[in-house]
């Protein structure tokens, strides 16, 4: 039997590679998984006790639980304080910014008010954050 082919997933791994993606480290893996599934319409493709892999055409979000020995020194405020000092801000397509705003609020996240939306490149965009304060941008197709 020959070894793995470079650039292809090994047996037992996902059957396809995403074109792009992001890894998010989570204090509450289940809560962040639900947020990403419901707000971003990502579908689960793999779950384990310490991770979840969610995807949409062309991209994946891998949620990875922060180990307990590290997590014990971290706290997420309620409501979460936005981590605006982060060096990266992923963006995700949504069918509707207004709908995403409502769902995000029900799950402990935020999509900024509509007066903070902006348009460019065939889309409307708005920033927000997940229930742990990780900054995201959502984009809908401009009408």
Protein backbone atom coordinates (compact mmCIF):
# COMPACT_ATOMS: atom_id res chain seq x y z
CA UNK A 1 0.00 0.00 0.00
CA UNK A 2 1.43 3.38 -0.91
CA UNK A 3 1.55 6.44 1.35
CA UNK A 4 -0.58 9.59 1.19
CA UNK A 5 -0.53 11.65 -1.97
CA UNK A 6 0.80 15.19 -1.39
CA UNK A 7 -2.02 17.73 -1.60
CA UNK A 8 -4.75 15.13 -1.01
CA UNK A 9 -6.41 14.31 2.31
CA UNK A 10 -5.31 11.13 4.03
CA UNK A 11 -7.78 8.28 4.43
CA UNK A 12 -10.21 8.91 7.26
CA UNK A 13 -10.10 12.67 6.72
CA UNK A 14 -12.50 14.93 4.90
CA UNK A 15 -13.14 13.83 1.35
CA UNK A 16 -12.37 17.25 -0.08
CA UNK A 17 -10.21 20.21 0.75
CA UNK A 18 -11.82 23.61 1.21
CA UNK A 19 -10.61 26.47 -0.96
CA UNK A 20 -10.18 28.72 2.09
CA UNK A 21 -10.97 28.66 5.74
CA UNK A 22 -10.37 29.85 9.24
CA UNK A 23 -9.64 28.14 12.56
CA UNK A 24 -11.35 29.66 15.59
CA UNK A 25 -10.33 28.66 19.10
CA UNK A 26 -13.37 28.36 21.35
CA UNK A 27 -14.02 28.43 25.07
CA UNK A 28 -17.55 27.08 24.54
CA UNK A 29 -17.30 24.79 21.51
CA UNK A 30 -21.00 23.89 21.39
CA UNK A 31 -22.16 27.52 21.58
CA UNK A 32 -19.77 28.68 18.86
CA UNK A 33 -20.70 25.71 16.67
CA UNK A 34 -24.40 26.56 16.91
CA UNK A 35 -23.69 30.24 16.17
CA UNK A 36 -21.72 29.40 13.01
CA UNK A 37 -24.28 26.85 11.83
CA UNK A 38 -27.28 29.13 12.31
CA UNK A 39 -25.94 32.61 11.53
CA UNK A 40 -23.58 31.68 8.70
CA UNK A 41 -25.59 28.71 7.38
CA UNK A 42 -22.55 26.45 7.58
CA UNK A 43 -23.16 22.72 7.57
CA UNK A 44 -21.33 20.36 9.91
CA UNK A 45 -19.04 17.88 8.17
CA UNK A 46 -17.07 16.53 11.12
CA UNK A 47 -17.41 16.65 14.89
CA UNK A 48 -15.27 15.42 17.72
CA UNK A 49 -15.09 16.10 21.43
CA UNK A 50 -12.60 18.93 20.88
CA UNK A 51 -13.44 20.26 17.40
CA UNK A 52 -16.11 20.88 14.80
CA UNK A 53 -15.60 21.36 11.07
CA UNK A 54 -18.29 23.37 9.30
CA UNK A 55 -18.40 24.34 5.66
CA UNK A 56 -20.12 26.05 2.79
CA UNK A 57 -19.07 25.91 -0.85
CA UNK A 58 -15.47 27.08 -1.07
CA UNK A 59 -14.66 27.53 2.62
CA UNK A 60 -14.50 25.88 6.01
CA UNK A 61 -14.60 27.02 9.60
CA UNK A 62 -12.80 24.77 12.03
CA UNK A 63 -13.76 25.36 15.64
CA UNK A 64 -11.23 24.01 18.10
CA UNK A 65 -11.80 23.82 21.86
CA UNK A 66 -9.22 25.64 23.94
CA UNK A 67 -7.59 23.09 26.28
CA UNK A 68 -8.94 23.27 29.87
CA UNK A 69 -5.57 24.22 31.36
CA UNK A 70 -5.51 27.32 29.13
CA UNK A 71 -9.26 28.01 29.17
CA UNK A 72 -9.34 28.22 32.97
CA UNK A 73 -7.46 31.55 32.78
CA UNK A 74 -9.76 33.05 30.12
CA UNK A 75 -13.12 34.70 30.51
CA UNK A 76 -15.78 35.87 28.09
CA UNK A 77 -17.83 38.74 29.48
CA UNK A 78 -21.60 38.88 29.09
CA UNK A 79 -22.24 40.52 26.73
CA UNK A 80 -18.93 39.59 25.11
CA UNK A 81 -16.35 42.30 24.68
CA UNK A 82 -15.43 42.60 21.01
CA UNK A 83 -11.81 41.62 20.31
CA UNK A 84 -11.09 44.46 17.91
CA UNK A 85 -7.33 44.25 18.42
CA UNK A 86 -7.16 40.98 16.44
CA UNK A 87 -4.91 40.99 13.40
CA UNK A 88 -7.45 39.14 11.24
CA UNK A 89 -11.16 39.52 10.49
CA UNK A 90 -12.77 36.75 8.44
CA UNK A 91 -15.80 37.52 6.28
CA UNK A 92 -18.68 35.25 5.40
CA UNK A 93 -21.55 35.39 2.90
CA UNK A 94 -25.10 35.46 4.25
CA UNK A 95 -28.43 35.57 2.44
CA UNK A 96 -29.59 38.57 4.48
CA UNK A 97 -27.80 40.91 6.86
CA UNK A 98 -31.10 41.69 8.59
CA UNK A 99 -31.86 38.01 9.19
CA UNK A 100 -28.29 37.33 10.35
CA UNK A 101 -28.58 40.28 12.76
CA UNK A 102 -31.67 38.76 14.40
CA UNK A 103 -30.28 35.23 14.61
CA UNK A 104 -26.90 36.43 15.93
CA UNK A 105 -28.60 38.38 18.71
CA UNK A 106 -30.63 35.32 19.75
CA UNK A 107 -27.40 33.28 20.04
CA UNK A 108 -25.33 35.79 22.03
CA UNK A 109 -23.50 37.42 19.13
CA UNK A 110 -23.89 40.78 17.42
CA UNK A 111 -24.21 42.10 13.88
CA UNK A 112 -23.87 45.86 14.03
CA UNK A 113 -26.95 48.03 13.30
CA UNK A 114 -27.94 48.67 9.68
CA UNK A 115 -26.60 52.25 9.82
CA UNK A 116 -23.10 50.70 10.10
CA UNK A 117 -23.48 48.74 6.82
CA UNK A 118 -21.44 49.70 3.80
CA UNK A 119 -21.47 48.70 0.12
CA UNK A 120 -18.78 47.88 -2.40
CA UNK A 121 -17.87 45.30 -5.02
CA UNK A 122 -21.41 44.03 -5.51
CA UNK A 123 -22.11 43.39 -1.82
CA UNK A 124 -23.32 45.06 1.37
CA UNK A 125 -21.24 44.36 4.46
CA UNK A 126 -21.53 44.73 8.19
CA UNK A 127 -19.19 43.81 11.02
CA UNK A 128 -20.13 41.95 14.15
CA UNK A 129 -18.83 39.38 16.58
CA UNK A 130 -19.60 35.87 17.75
CA UNK A 131 -20.61 34.95 21.33
CA UNK A 132 -16.95 34.96 22.41
CA UNK A 133 -16.15 38.39 20.93
CA UNK A 134 -14.31 37.18 17.79
CA UNK A 135 -14.77 39.86 15.12
CA UNK A 136 -16.41 38.79 11.84
CA UNK A 137 -17.79 40.57 8.79
CA UNK A 138 -20.95 39.41 7.04
CA UNK A 139 -21.73 40.15 3.40
CA UNK A 140 -24.92 39.91 1.36
CA UNK A 141 -25.27 40.36 -2.38
CA UNK A 142 -26.09 44.00 -3.13
CA UNK A 143 -29.50 44.54 -4.70
